[in-house]
Each structure stands twice: as C-alpha cells, then as structure tokens.
C-alpha cells in the first residue's frame, strides 16, 4: 500500500490496526525509515475519510473563505490573458480537498472569459465524492501522468506537498544516518540507521553539530519536477501553496493533527494527519533544473494582498453587512502575518515564454 494507491474502503489491508502492522514489521525485520512510516500512515489516513471541516481534523484556506479561491482564479485569468493564448487549456488541481478551491477559482475565471477543462488529481474515494458535488464537470486522475498533454496547463496545489513523506537525516557520532522508527518496550521511538548517508548531505551542511536533522522530500521533488517538465512541454503556469520555509534550515518539522489538535505522530498511525514544512528553496531548484521559470516564493498574506483580497473583503462586506465580522476574521486568518500570512508560502512557476504573474516581486 502506497501513498499513490492507498486502497479502497473495504480493502482488508485497511481493517488491521496500522500501529500493530508496524510493530510486527519492526519486530520481524528491524527499524523502518521515517519516510516509510509517514507514507503508510498518510495513505491509510486519506483512504477512507473526509478529514476537512469543523467535524474533521483540520480546515484549509479554501474552507475559510471564498476569497482564497477567488484570488487564485484571478491570478490564473490575469496570467492567461496576458499570455495571449486563446485555445484549449486545462485547469489541474493536485489534492483538491472538497473541490471548494476549484469551484471558487473557476467561477472567477469564467467571469474573465477563461473556461478550461477541469482535471482533479485525487486518490481518496471519500474526497472524490465531495469534489463531484462541487465541480460536476471535473475529470478525475490518480496522478498527473494521464492528464492530457495536448494543451497548456494551469496547475494549483494547495496544501499538497506538506503531506508527502520526508526523509530525515540525523548527524550521529559516526556520521550522517537516516532517521528510523524502532520499538522500545512496545512503543515507537526514533533511532539512527546503520547505513552511512554522508553522501546525501550537501558539503556545506556536513559539519553540523551532532544531533542536527535535515529533512528532504524525494516525493515532493518528484511532483515539482513532473509539473515543471509538463509546463516546459505544454506551456502554462503552476501555483504551489503550503506552509513551509524559503531558505534551508535544520530540524524536524514533523507534526500530527487530529480533531484540530496537535498530537504525538507516533500515537495513532493512520488516524492523524502527518505533515512537514515544505522546503520551497529546494522546490525552486528542482523546477528551474527542469527548465520552468520560477517567479518567486512569497508569503501567502503578501501575495493575497497584492491580488486585492482586502478590496474583495470590502466588496463582500458592502453586500452583506451582517457578515462583516466573519469576513474580517477570515481575511485575518488568511493574510495576517501572525496567522497563515507568513507561515504559508506561495511559489509561482511558468513555462518559458509565459509572462510574469502578479504577487511576486
């Protein structure tokens, strides 16, 4: 069972307690990589539930306010108009949640004469059902490989990369090792692997203090690389929006969320959402190596303000004065520096020859 093929409801693999499965595996074969642990846990987590909303485990930006999706639709419509392209075009969303973002963005795009074919890349049956309600015209895909290659792509990935598994490397006394998950008295604990990993660490980071941790995400690099290659081949643009950092850093950022509370990542594998901060510096390097043009990585708040979210909030308030407080709260959650505005980043990519997009200095 992998993150790209998590199994379907009723699959017998989903019935066994994943913690017990891991314990048997570790007892029989030794420690497993943290990357393996995250991949299996999130595959199980997303396979059979809708985790979004007040009754779920977390709320994403599109569920906070329609303004978020509207700003994305505006960005895409503006870029498309300045590109001067008038033929067939595809809107593609990776991990589209309940389809809320797509519905809001498409509504704005149509207002500006942009009516793309819609492709949603989603592996969760539960979420696909919600997406069909929100975006009835959507075509569904398990991954990007079978999205059409006959026209430019407008790609959006909101809170998608953060749920992909990461590899953690820790500097031990003997050198760099992969961080593993082992057992101690029946409980999951971290352990350093036995194989040297020094060659995987950049030269300028190898002499970090003992105990230092580096996170890398081969899965995220693969996604960004594939998106970038498709843009180069077909034309178009992409937005990656996630919580993360724009300059390299040390330390573990792994966290687990369940019922809107942070919990121990080892407490209930497969029953909590495991995420890590996205390394946008590494993502930008991958994109450029594939030939895509990197527009920049900006804080979500600054990017939304550049697109006009404050003016949109004023318009919504004028039309519904009784909702003024709720609209103001939503605006603050999305754009304030002490909420999502700075922690979340927006990375823009375009194909060679396509124009710059708004919101990136």
Foldseek 3Di string as FASTA:
>chain_A
DWLLALDAVVPVVLVDFVLVVQQVCCVVPNWAFQLVLLGNLVSLQQAEDQQEDLPHWYHFLLRLDLLVLCLLLLLQLVLVVVLVDDDAEEEEEEPCRLLSSVLSSQVNNVVSVHHYQYEYQDNHPHSVVSNCVSPVRYDYHSDDPPDDLAAAYEYEYAARLFSRGKWKWFQAPVFIFTWTWHDDPSFTDIDGDDDHDLVVDDPVCRPDDGGKMFIDGPPLLVRLLVVLLSCQRHWYKYKYKYFADADGDIDWFWWWTTSHDTDDCRPRRNNTRIGGHDHVNVSVVSSVVSPWDKLAKFFQQLQSVQSPSVVVLVVVCVVPVVCNVSSVVSNCQRHPCVHRRHRMMMIMITHPSRDHTTRGD
